[in-house]
Protein backbone atom coordinates (compact mmCIF):
# COMPACT_ATOMS: atom_id res chain seq x y z
CA MET A 1 -8.98 -4.42 -30.68
CA ALA A 2 -5.33 -5.35 -30.36
CA ALA A 3 -3.42 -4.19 -27.28
CA LYS A 4 -1.81 -0.77 -27.74
CA PRO A 5 0.23 1.56 -25.55
CA THR A 6 -2.04 3.63 -23.35
CA SER A 7 -2.09 7.01 -21.64
CA HIS A 8 -4.39 8.85 -19.25
CA ILE A 9 -7.15 11.28 -20.14
CA ASN A 10 -8.64 13.07 -17.15
CA ILE A 11 -11.99 14.70 -17.74
CA ASP A 12 -12.75 16.78 -14.65
CA MET A 13 -16.17 18.39 -14.43
CA ASN A 14 -15.32 19.84 -11.02
CA SER A 15 -12.62 22.35 -11.86
CA HIS A 16 -11.85 25.55 -9.97
CA PRO A 17 -15.04 27.50 -9.20
CA SER A 18 -15.96 29.89 -11.99
CA PRO A 19 -19.03 31.48 -13.52
CA ALA A 20 -19.29 28.46 -15.79
CA ARG A 21 -20.70 26.50 -12.85
CA ARG A 22 -23.95 28.36 -13.29
CA ARG A 23 -24.40 26.54 -16.63
CA LEU A 24 -23.84 23.02 -15.20
CA PRO A 25 -27.39 21.82 -15.97
CA LYS A 26 -26.80 22.53 -19.67
CA LEU A 27 -23.78 20.23 -19.90
CA GLY A 28 -25.69 16.93 -19.73
CA THR A 29 -25.51 16.28 -23.50
CA GLN A 30 -21.81 17.07 -23.62
CA ARG A 31 -21.08 14.77 -20.71
CA LEU A 32 -23.02 11.94 -22.32
CA ALA A 33 -21.02 12.35 -25.53
CA ILE A 34 -17.75 12.43 -23.63
CA SER A 35 -18.66 9.30 -21.68
CA ALA A 36 -19.59 7.44 -24.85
CA ALA A 37 -16.32 8.42 -26.48
CA ALA A 38 -14.44 7.31 -23.37
CA LEU A 39 -16.02 3.87 -23.44
CA LEU A 40 -15.13 3.45 -27.11
CA LEU A 41 -11.54 4.51 -26.54
CA ALA A 42 -11.25 2.14 -23.56
CA ALA A 43 -11.22 -0.77 -25.97
CA CYS A 44 -7.76 0.32 -27.04
CA ALA A 45 -6.38 -0.60 -23.60
CA ASN A 46 -6.82 -4.34 -23.04
CA PHE A 47 -5.09 -7.24 -21.31
CA SER A 48 -5.62 -9.92 -23.94
CA GLY A 49 -2.98 -12.65 -23.92
CA ILE A 50 -1.94 -12.08 -20.30
CA HIS A 51 -2.94 -14.98 -18.09
CA SER A 52 -1.50 -17.46 -15.63
CA THR A 53 -0.68 -21.07 -16.38
CA ALA A 54 0.03 -21.99 -12.74
CA HIS A 55 -1.89 -24.85 -11.12
CA SER A 56 -2.36 -25.28 -7.37
CA ASN A 57 -1.81 -28.86 -6.26
CA ASN A 58 -4.32 -30.82 -4.23
CA PRO A 59 -3.62 -33.50 -1.61
CA ASP A 60 -5.02 -36.06 -4.04
CA ASP A 61 -2.13 -35.24 -6.36
CA TYR A 62 0.24 -36.91 -3.86
CA ALA A 63 0.19 -40.68 -3.56
CA SER A 64 0.54 -41.29 0.18
CA THR A 65 -2.01 -43.86 1.31
CA SER A 66 0.57 -46.66 1.54
CA SER A 67 3.23 -44.57 3.27
CA LEU A 68 0.81 -42.68 5.50
CA PRO A 69 -2.10 -45.02 6.25
CA GLY A 70 -4.87 -43.83 8.53
CA GLN A 71 -4.54 -45.44 11.96
CA GLY A 72 -7.48 -43.90 13.79
CA GLY A 73 -5.21 -41.55 15.69
CA MET A 74 -5.88 -37.99 16.74
CA TRP A 75 -4.32 -34.82 15.46
CA PRO A 76 -1.82 -33.35 17.95
CA ALA A 77 -3.44 -31.38 20.76
CA SER A 78 -2.37 -27.84 21.56
CA SER A 79 -1.16 -29.16 24.95
CA TRP A 80 1.36 -31.55 23.41
CA VAL A 81 4.28 -29.78 25.12
CA SER A 82 3.10 -30.91 28.56
CA SER A 83 2.85 -34.50 27.34
CA ILE A 84 6.53 -34.31 26.36
CA GLY A 85 8.09 -32.52 29.31
CA GLY A 86 5.40 -31.66 31.82
CA SER A 87 5.17 -28.29 33.55
CA GLN A 88 8.94 -27.79 33.41
CA LEU A 89 9.06 -27.71 29.62
CA GLN A 90 5.74 -25.85 29.38
CA GLN A 91 7.14 -23.03 31.50
CA LEU A 92 10.16 -22.66 29.21
CA VAL A 93 7.93 -22.59 26.14
CA ASP A 94 5.61 -19.99 27.68
CA GLU A 95 8.57 -17.74 28.48
CA ALA A 96 9.90 -18.16 24.96
CA LEU A 97 6.56 -17.32 23.36
CA ALA A 98 6.44 -14.12 25.44
CA GLY A 99 10.02 -12.98 24.89
CA ASN A 100 11.34 -14.27 21.56
CA PRO A 101 12.19 -11.33 19.20
CA ASN A 102 11.32 -13.25 16.04
CA LEU A 103 7.86 -13.98 17.40
CA GLN A 104 7.43 -10.33 18.36
CA ALA A 105 8.36 -9.35 14.80
CA ALA A 106 5.74 -11.77 13.46
CA ALA A 107 3.13 -10.20 15.76
CA ALA A 108 4.12 -6.75 14.49
CA ARG A 109 3.55 -7.95 10.91
CA ILE A 110 0.03 -8.97 11.90
CA ALA A 111 -0.66 -5.50 13.29
CA ALA A 112 0.69 -3.88 10.13
CA SER A 113 -1.41 -6.13 7.88
CA ARG A 114 -4.55 -5.36 9.87
CA ALA A 115 -3.86 -1.66 9.42
CA MET A 116 -3.66 -2.26 5.67
CA VAL A 117 -7.07 -3.94 5.82
CA GLU A 118 -8.50 -0.84 7.50
CA ALA A 119 -6.89 1.39 4.88
CA ALA A 120 -8.23 -0.73 2.01
CA GLY A 121 -11.70 -0.69 3.51
CA ALA A 122 -11.62 3.10 3.88
CA SER A 123 -10.93 3.60 0.16
CA SER A 124 -14.41 2.30 -0.73
CA LYS A 125 -16.17 4.81 1.53
CA PRO A 126 -17.05 8.45 0.84
CA GLN A 127 -14.33 10.94 1.72
CA VAL A 128 -15.25 14.24 3.37
CA GLY A 129 -12.80 16.99 4.22
CA ALA A 130 -12.67 20.67 5.00
CA SER A 131 -10.24 23.37 3.88
CA LEU A 132 -9.52 26.95 4.87
CA SER A 133 -6.97 29.21 3.22
CA ALA A 134 -5.98 32.88 3.21
CA THR A 135 -3.56 33.92 0.43
CA ARG A 136 -2.04 37.39 0.30
CA GLN A 137 -1.05 38.27 -3.28
CA ARG A 138 -0.70 41.06 -5.86
CA PHE A 139 -2.97 40.70 -8.88
CA THR A 140 -1.53 41.56 -12.25
CA GLU A 141 -2.84 44.60 -14.08
CA ASN A 142 -2.70 42.77 -17.44
CA SER A 143 -5.01 39.83 -16.89
CA ILE A 144 -8.65 39.11 -16.11
CA TYR A 145 -8.81 41.03 -12.85
CA PRO A 146 -10.82 44.26 -13.27
CA PRO A 147 -10.12 47.52 -11.45
CA PRO A 148 -9.60 48.18 -8.70
CA PHE A 149 -8.08 44.67 -8.10
CA GLY A 150 -5.47 44.81 -10.90
CA GLY A 151 -2.22 46.02 -9.40
CA MET A 152 -3.44 45.71 -5.82
CA TYR A 153 -2.34 43.48 -2.92
CA VAL A 154 -5.41 41.54 -1.86
CA THR A 155 -6.02 38.63 0.50
CA ASP A 156 -7.97 35.75 -1.09
CA TYR A 157 -10.05 33.91 1.49
CA GLU A 158 -11.48 30.45 0.74
CA THR A 159 -13.19 27.83 2.84
CA ALA A 160 -14.99 24.73 1.62
CA LEU A 161 -16.41 21.40 2.62
CA ASN A 162 -15.24 18.77 0.09
CA PHE A 163 -16.85 15.43 -0.72
CA SER A 164 -15.58 12.68 -3.02
CA TYR A 165 -16.69 9.15 -3.75
CA ASP A 166 -15.21 6.58 -6.10
CA LEU A 167 -18.11 4.77 -7.75
CA ASP A 168 -15.86 1.71 -8.29
CA PHE A 169 -17.87 0.17 -11.12
CA TRP A 170 -15.28 -2.56 -11.73
CA GLY A 171 -14.68 -3.74 -8.14
CA LYS A 172 -11.19 -2.33 -7.71
CA HIS A 173 -11.64 -1.41 -4.06
CA SER A 174 -13.29 -4.70 -3.16
CA ALA A 175 -10.38 -6.54 -4.80
CA GLN A 176 -7.90 -4.38 -2.87
CA LEU A 177 -9.75 -5.14 0.35
CA SER A 178 -9.78 -8.86 -0.48
CA SER A 179 -6.02 -8.77 -1.10
CA ALA A 180 -5.38 -6.94 2.18
CA ILE A 181 -7.54 -9.41 4.12
CA SER A 182 -5.69 -12.34 2.53
CA GLN A 183 -2.35 -10.77 3.43
CA SER A 184 -3.57 -10.30 6.99
CA LYS A 185 -4.70 -13.92 7.18
CA ALA A 186 -1.34 -15.03 5.80
CA ALA A 187 0.46 -12.99 8.47
CA GLU A 188 -1.64 -14.64 11.18
CA ALA A 189 -0.89 -18.12 9.82
CA GLU A 190 2.82 -17.24 9.59
CA HIS A 191 2.67 -16.17 13.23
CA TYR A 192 1.30 -19.59 14.16
CA ALA A 193 4.04 -21.20 12.08
CA ALA A 194 6.65 -19.16 13.94
CA ARG A 195 5.11 -20.16 17.29
CA LEU A 196 5.19 -23.81 16.27
CA ALA A 197 8.80 -23.61 15.09
CA LEU A 198 9.84 -21.93 18.35
CA THR A 199 7.91 -24.41 20.50
CA ALA A 200 9.42 -27.36 18.66
CA GLY A 201 12.88 -25.79 18.85
CA ILE A 202 12.65 -25.33 22.63
CA SER A 203 11.29 -28.87 23.07
CA LYS A 204 14.02 -30.47 20.96
CA ALA A 205 16.75 -28.50 22.74
CA TRP A 206 15.28 -29.48 26.13
CA LEU A 207 15.28 -33.15 25.13
CA GLN A 208 18.84 -32.78 23.89
CA LEU A 209 19.83 -31.28 27.25
CA GLY A 210 18.26 -34.26 29.04
CA ARG A 211 20.20 -36.65 26.80
CA GLN A 212 23.47 -34.82 27.42
CA TYR A 213 23.05 -34.92 31.20
CA ALA A 214 22.18 -38.61 31.11
CA GLN A 215 25.17 -39.37 28.89
CA LEU A 216 27.44 -37.38 31.20
CA ASP A 217 26.18 -39.39 34.16
CA LEU A 218 26.87 -42.69 32.37
CA SER A 219 30.31 -41.42 31.33
CA ASN A 220 31.05 -40.54 34.96
CA GLN A 221 30.07 -44.07 35.99
CA GLN A 222 32.28 -45.51 33.26
CA LEU A 223 35.16 -43.29 34.33
CA ALA A 224 34.85 -44.45 37.94
CA LEU A 225 34.95 -48.09 36.80
CA ARG A 226 37.85 -47.36 34.44
CA ASP A 227 39.81 -45.79 37.32
CA LYS A 228 39.13 -48.93 39.33
CA LEU A 229 40.13 -51.11 36.38
CA ASP A 230 43.28 -49.05 35.85
CA LYS A 231 44.34 -49.62 39.46
CA LEU A 232 43.72 -53.35 39.12
CA THR A 233 45.75 -53.43 35.92
CA GLN A 234 48.64 -51.57 37.59
CA GLN A 235 48.55 -54.06 40.49
CA ARG A 236 48.59 -56.99 38.11
CA PHE A 237 51.40 -55.40 36.12
CA ALA A 238 53.40 -54.90 39.31
CA ALA A 239 52.76 -58.55 40.19
CA GLY A 240 53.87 -59.62 36.73
CA LEU A 241 50.41 -60.85 35.73
CA ASP A 242 49.86 -58.25 32.97
CA THR A 243 52.12 -56.68 30.40
CA GLN A 244 53.08 -53.05 29.93
CA THR A 245 50.80 -52.98 26.87
CA ASP A 246 47.75 -53.87 28.98
CA ASN A 247 48.69 -51.15 31.45
CA GLN A 248 49.00 -48.46 28.73
CA GLN A 249 45.74 -49.46 27.06
CA SER A 250 43.94 -49.07 30.36
CA ARG A 251 45.38 -45.59 30.86
CA GLN A 252 44.45 -44.65 27.28
CA GLN A 253 40.83 -45.63 27.87
CA VAL A 254 40.72 -43.55 31.07
CA ALA A 255 42.04 -40.53 29.16
CA ASN A 256 39.45 -41.03 26.42
CA LEU A 257 36.65 -41.08 28.97
CA ARG A 258 37.95 -37.89 30.59
CA ALA A 259 37.93 -36.21 27.15
CA GLU A 260 34.38 -37.47 26.54
CA GLN A 261 33.36 -36.12 29.94
CA SER A 262 34.67 -32.69 28.95
CA GLN A 263 32.79 -32.85 25.63
CA TRP A 264 29.49 -33.55 27.36
CA GLN A 265 30.05 -30.67 29.77
CA GLU A 266 30.65 -28.33 26.83
CA ALA A 267 27.55 -29.62 25.02
CA ILE A 268 25.42 -29.02 28.13
CA ALA A 269 26.65 -25.42 28.41
CA LEU A 270 25.98 -24.73 24.72
CA THR A 271 22.49 -26.22 24.86
CA ARG A 272 21.65 -24.10 27.92
CA ASN A 273 22.81 -21.02 25.99
CA GLN A 274 20.71 -22.08 23.01
CA ILE A 275 17.55 -22.43 25.09
CA ALA A 276 18.15 -19.06 26.75
CA ALA A 277 18.59 -17.41 23.32
CA LEU A 278 15.36 -18.99 22.05
CA MET A 279 13.65 -17.54 25.10
CA GLY A 280 14.98 -14.09 24.22
CA GLN A 281 17.05 -13.90 27.41
CA GLY A 282 20.68 -13.86 28.44
CA PRO A 283 22.85 -16.95 28.98
CA ASP A 284 22.39 -16.77 32.76
CA ARG A 285 18.78 -17.84 32.26
CA GLY A 286 20.05 -21.09 30.81
CA LEU A 287 21.95 -21.84 34.02
CA LYS A 288 18.67 -21.93 35.95
CA ILE A 289 17.06 -24.67 33.83
CA PRO A 290 16.54 -27.83 35.93
CA VAL A 291 18.03 -31.05 34.65
CA PRO A 292 15.45 -32.53 32.24
CA THR A 293 14.20 -36.08 32.42
CA LEU A 294 13.61 -37.84 29.13
CA PRO A 295 9.95 -38.85 28.65
CA ALA A 296 8.79 -42.43 28.48
CA ASP A 297 8.59 -43.91 25.01
CA SER A 298 5.20 -43.66 23.34
CA SER A 299 3.98 -44.28 19.84
CA ILE A 300 1.74 -41.94 17.83
CA ALA A 301 -1.05 -43.29 15.65
CA LEU A 302 -1.58 -41.33 12.45
CA PRO A 303 -4.97 -39.63 12.11
CA ASP A 304 -7.41 -40.61 9.40
CA GLN A 305 -7.98 -38.29 6.42
CA LEU A 306 -4.32 -37.34 6.71
CA PRO A 307 -3.65 -36.02 3.18
CA LEU A 308 -6.64 -33.69 3.10
CA GLY A 309 -6.30 -32.70 6.74
CA LEU A 310 -2.82 -31.29 6.23
CA LEU A 311 -4.34 -28.39 4.29
CA GLY A 312 -5.89 -27.00 7.44
CA ARG A 313 -3.42 -28.30 10.04
CA ARG A 314 -0.12 -26.94 8.75
CA PRO A 315 0.17 -23.18 9.41
CA ASP A 316 2.87 -22.78 6.76
CA VAL A 317 0.63 -24.39 4.12
CA VAL A 318 -2.30 -22.22 5.20
CA ALA A 319 -0.13 -19.08 5.02
CA ALA A 320 1.06 -20.02 1.53
CA ARG A 321 -2.54 -20.56 0.43
CA TRP A 322 -3.57 -17.11 1.68
CA GLN A 323 -0.68 -15.62 -0.27
CA VAL A 324 -2.13 -17.24 -3.40
CA GLU A 325 -5.50 -15.68 -2.60
CA ALA A 326 -3.88 -12.27 -2.14
CA ALA A 327 -2.00 -12.54 -5.43
CA GLN A 328 -5.21 -13.51 -7.21
CA SER A 329 -6.93 -10.39 -5.85
CA ASP A 330 -3.95 -8.28 -6.94
CA ILE A 331 -4.50 -9.50 -10.50
CA LYS A 332 -8.11 -8.31 -10.29
CA VAL A 333 -6.91 -4.91 -9.10
CA ALA A 334 -4.48 -4.65 -12.01
CA LYS A 335 -7.21 -5.53 -14.52
CA THR A 336 -9.50 -2.77 -13.23
CA GLU A 337 -6.83 -0.24 -14.20
CA PHE A 338 -7.72 -0.94 -17.85
CA TYR A 339 -11.26 0.37 -17.37
CA PRO A 340 -12.55 3.94 -16.98
CA ASN A 341 -12.60 5.17 -13.42
CA ILE A 342 -15.31 7.63 -12.35
CA ASN A 343 -15.12 9.69 -9.18
CA LEU A 344 -18.00 11.81 -7.95
CA SER A 345 -16.90 15.00 -6.21
CA ALA A 346 -18.70 17.96 -4.69
CA MET A 347 -17.82 21.06 -2.75
CA ALA A 348 -19.60 23.87 -0.93
CA GLY A 349 -18.09 26.90 0.72
CA PHE A 350 -17.20 30.58 0.47
CA SER A 351 -14.60 32.49 -1.55
CA SER A 352 -13.89 36.20 -1.38
CA LEU A 353 -11.23 38.79 -2.20
CA GLY A 354 -11.02 40.51 1.12
CA PHE A 355 -12.51 39.47 4.44
CA SER A 356 -15.38 42.00 4.63
CA GLN A 357 -17.64 39.92 2.35
CA PHE A 358 -16.09 36.51 3.01
CA LEU A 359 -19.08 34.80 4.62
CA THR A 360 -21.84 36.61 2.78
CA GLN A 361 -24.41 35.03 0.48
CA GLY A 362 -22.70 36.44 -2.57
CA SER A 363 -19.41 34.66 -1.73
CA LYS A 364 -21.01 31.22 -1.68
CA VAL A 365 -19.53 28.63 -4.08
CA VAL A 366 -21.10 25.24 -4.84
CA GLY A 367 -20.00 22.53 -7.27
CA ILE A 368 -20.65 18.92 -8.11
CA GLY A 369 -19.65 16.64 -10.95
CA PRO A 370 -17.85 13.48 -12.05
CA ALA A 371 -14.17 13.09 -12.81
CA ILE A 372 -13.44 10.42 -15.40
CA HIS A 373 -10.05 8.75 -15.74
CA LEU A 374 -9.62 6.79 -18.95
CA PRO A 375 -6.48 4.85 -19.97
CA ILE A 376 -5.85 5.02 -23.72
CA PHE A 377 -2.12 5.10 -24.46
CA GLU A 378 0.11 4.12 -21.52
CA GLY A 379 3.22 2.94 -23.35
CA GLY A 380 2.53 -0.62 -22.15
CA ALA A 381 2.71 0.34 -18.45
CA LEU A 382 -0.63 -1.24 -17.52
CA ARG A 383 0.14 -4.46 -19.37
CA ALA A 384 3.56 -4.61 -17.72
CA GLN A 385 1.96 -4.08 -14.32
CA LEU A 386 -0.53 -6.87 -14.97
CA LYS A 387 2.24 -9.18 -16.16
CA GLY A 388 4.06 -8.51 -12.90
CA ARG A 389 0.97 -9.37 -10.86
CA VAL A 390 0.45 -12.57 -12.86
CA ALA A 391 4.09 -13.52 -12.31
CA ALA A 392 3.68 -12.86 -8.58
CA TYR A 393 0.63 -15.13 -8.59
CA ASP A 394 2.57 -17.88 -10.38
CA GLY A 395 5.30 -17.54 -7.75
CA ALA A 396 2.77 -17.73 -4.92
CA VAL A 397 1.25 -20.89 -6.41
CA ALA A 398 4.70 -22.45 -6.73
CA THR A 399 5.47 -21.56 -3.10
CA TYR A 400 2.17 -23.11 -1.99
CA ASN A 401 2.85 -26.28 -3.98
CA GLN A 402 6.31 -26.51 -2.43
CA ALA A 403 4.88 -26.02 1.07
CA LEU A 404 2.39 -28.82 0.45
CA ASN A 405 5.14 -31.02 -0.96
CA ASP A 406 7.36 -30.31 2.06
CA ALA A 407 4.49 -31.16 4.41
CA PHE A 408 4.05 -34.64 2.94
CA HIS A 409 7.81 -35.13 2.85
CA GLU A 410 8.27 -34.18 6.51
CA VAL A 411 5.41 -36.36 7.73
CA ALA A 412 6.64 -39.34 5.70
CA ASP A 413 10.23 -38.90 6.93
CA SER A 414 9.08 -38.65 10.56
CA VAL A 415 6.92 -41.76 10.26
CA GLN A 416 9.65 -43.82 8.59
CA SER A 417 12.29 -42.67 11.08
CA LEU A 418 10.03 -43.46 14.04
CA HIS A 419 9.41 -46.96 12.72
CA ALA A 420 13.15 -47.47 12.30
CA ALA A 421 13.86 -46.06 15.76
CA GLU A 422 11.33 -48.45 17.31
CA MET A 423 13.12 -51.41 15.73
CA GLN A 424 16.51 -50.06 16.84
CA ASP A 425 15.14 -49.65 20.35
CA LYS A 426 13.97 -53.27 20.49
CA ASN A 427 17.31 -54.57 19.23
CA GLN A 428 19.28 -52.31 21.55
CA GLN A 429 17.18 -53.38 24.52
CA ALA A 430 18.11 -56.97 23.71
CA ALA A 431 21.78 -55.96 23.66
CA VAL A 432 21.44 -54.24 27.05
CA ASP A 433 19.73 -57.29 28.53
CA ALA A 434 22.47 -59.55 27.20
CA ALA A 435 25.19 -57.27 28.62
CA GLU A 436 23.40 -57.22 31.99
CA ARG A 437 23.21 -61.04 32.08
CA GLY A 438 26.92 -61.26 31.24
CA MET A 439 27.69 -58.80 34.05
CA LYS A 440 25.71 -60.86 36.58
CA LEU A 441 27.43 -64.07 35.46
CA ALA A 442 30.84 -62.43 35.92
CA GLU A 443 29.82 -61.34 39.42
CA GLN A 444 28.67 -64.87 40.26
CA ARG A 445 31.96 -66.39 38.99
CA GLN A 446 33.93 -63.89 41.03
CA GLN A 447 31.95 -64.78 44.16
CA VAL A 448 32.61 -68.51 43.78
CA GLY A 449 36.25 -67.98 42.89
CA THR A 450 36.15 -68.95 39.23
CA GLY A 451 36.55 -65.37 38.05
CA ASN A 452 38.27 -62.19 39.16
CA MET A 453 37.32 -58.58 39.81
CA LEU A 454 38.97 -57.52 36.56
CA GLN A 455 36.38 -59.47 34.58
CA VAL A 456 33.55 -58.07 36.69
CA VAL A 457 34.61 -54.46 36.14
CA SER A 458 35.09 -55.07 32.40
CA THR A 459 31.56 -56.45 32.04
CA GLN A 460 30.17 -53.52 34.05
CA ILE A 461 31.88 -51.09 31.70
CA GLY A 462 30.49 -52.97 28.68
CA TRP A 463 26.99 -52.84 30.18
CA LEU A 464 27.27 -49.07 30.63
CA ALA A 465 28.38 -48.73 27.01
CA GLN A 466 25.23 -50.55 25.85
CA ARG A 467 23.11 -48.31 28.08
CA LYS A 468 24.67 -45.23 26.46
CA THR A 469 23.66 -46.52 23.04
CA GLU A 470 20.18 -47.30 24.38
CA LEU A 471 19.95 -43.74 25.72
CA ASP A 472 20.80 -42.30 22.30
CA VAL A 473 18.06 -44.39 20.67
CA ARG A 474 15.54 -43.36 23.31
CA ALA A 475 16.43 -39.68 22.97
CA ARG A 476 16.18 -39.95 19.20
CA ARG A 477 12.68 -41.44 19.48
CA ALA A 478 11.62 -38.50 21.65
CA ASP A 479 13.13 -36.06 19.17
CA LEU A 480 11.37 -37.79 16.25
CA ARG A 481 8.13 -37.63 18.16
CA VAL A 482 8.46 -33.84 18.30
CA ASN A 483 9.26 -33.82 14.58
CA LEU A 484 6.09 -35.75 13.79
CA ILE A 485 3.96 -33.52 16.02
CA ARG A 486 5.38 -30.46 14.27
CA SER A 487 4.92 -31.96 10.79
CA LEU A 488 1.26 -32.63 11.69
CA GLY A 489 0.75 -28.98 12.64
CA GLY A 490 1.40 -29.05 16.38
CA GLY A 491 -2.25 -28.59 17.32
CA PHE A 492 -2.98 -25.81 14.82
CA ASP A 493 -6.47 -25.86 13.31
CA ALA A 494 -7.14 -23.29 10.58
CA THR A 495 -10.92 -23.68 10.85
CA ALA A 496 -10.95 -23.10 14.61
CA GLU A 497 -8.72 -20.05 14.18
CA GLY A 498 -10.81 -18.60 11.35
CA LEU A 499 -7.96 -19.03 8.86
CA ASN A 500 -9.30 -21.72 6.55
CA PRO A 501 -9.11 -20.33 2.98
CA ALA A 502 -11.67 -22.87 1.71
CA ALA A 503 -14.21 -21.84 4.34
CA ALA A 504 -13.61 -18.15 3.62
CA ASN A 505 -14.10 -18.67 -0.12
CA ALA A 506 -17.32 -20.64 0.49
CA SER A 507 -18.62 -17.86 2.73
CA THR A 508 -17.77 -15.22 0.14
CA ALA A 509 -19.48 -17.20 -2.62
CA ALA A 510 -22.59 -17.67 -0.47
CA SER A 511 -22.81 -13.97 0.36
CA SER A 512 -22.32 -13.05 -3.29
CA ALA A 513 -25.20 -15.33 -4.27
CA SER A 514 -27.56 -13.99 -1.61
CA PRO A 515 -30.48 -11.71 -2.58
CA GLN A 516 -29.08 -8.96 -0.37
CA ALA A 517 -25.74 -9.05 -2.12
CA SER A 518 -27.38 -9.05 -5.52
CA THR A 519 -29.51 -6.08 -4.60
CA ALA A 520 -26.55 -4.18 -3.24
CA ASN A 521 -24.62 -4.77 -6.41
């Protein structure tokens, strides 16, 4: 039947206690007729034509074997921070993981999502409650109340034990629970992603601080040589051996180095503040950070099975995949709204006008029966709700595909940049060696009298300039190493953490196919 606007019909066989309850056994035929009519009318509410066209990408969809060849390497270990900066950096990271507000917020989201899992699980269980009321009221003289109650003020006492259970024929509660579990898993994966981002951020800032201190030290050495060169130039100018132009150029270079010195001092202060903020502490904490030492250069071999492995190694990709699973379960929940819903309810207690006979045998009330909710004409509300869930699913799939795309992009960029940095390092090392040889030759000529101190100091300054460039390349290689470790997941393993969506789906399918599951269903 074509989709039509729908509305609710509630057929409640457990209405307020009345003498009609004594005839409950005679209502079986009527209930059967009502149920049959309800099932026929349910065909008027349908979700035909509403479906998703989204497609989740697979690693095989990305051509990467040439750019990211397997090299027999290992995935990053969870202890990679110590390999970068030893115990000094590890201590900073540990403090940051304990005190960063963003990480605390992510942990709070996990707690909230786990509470939602508990709430979703409770909805599939029987609900039992108790009630007690005492209502003082005047009964009308022109209604059903016989004398002497009509016109009197009487207290109506009621107490009951209530039971209800949603039979959940269509799996609504199980789908809600599945969605809540997926949301919880996504929150856990997002927490790991936040931890990784914070760890990488602290590590990169620490490396940057080491670079800045090393550059400041080289600038100080250059400034000392420039001061010496400036004095030599002034002496030569006074002796008529150099021109005023040479003297002014020397002073200009000294001033430039003093400005550069000030810039490095500012950069060091800002980086210390940045690290302290990442740790969730005040700027004074940054002042206590020891001067970092840049790590020795080391190359990283890419692991085998890289494209497929990223699915379970990147926490952001895993989180996005769990969001897809949650959205898929939400669609199932929305579809169950199109079907009749049957609740079984029962009550037992006492009801009496006046307290004298409240708990006597004659005041006992008992009731049991189903309550059927059937959507027929809803004005398109259910279809609109389902369309919204399908759109949310399409958005989740697109977010997952983008996360997977970003993962390959980041790994490829890190690998290419590391290769380029290695070549730059080799070339720059050759430049440093050449500058050092030139400096030694100038010193030898000065010792034998064929050169002067001015040439020696100039070559020393040039050698320091090459070392500053070498330092930048070395620091960049260390920074790129952190980028690659992060892009490979930073030691995260979804399977080890119980967050692998593929493993969870396989487990669910296996349990659904088991004889016990079939019997329970």
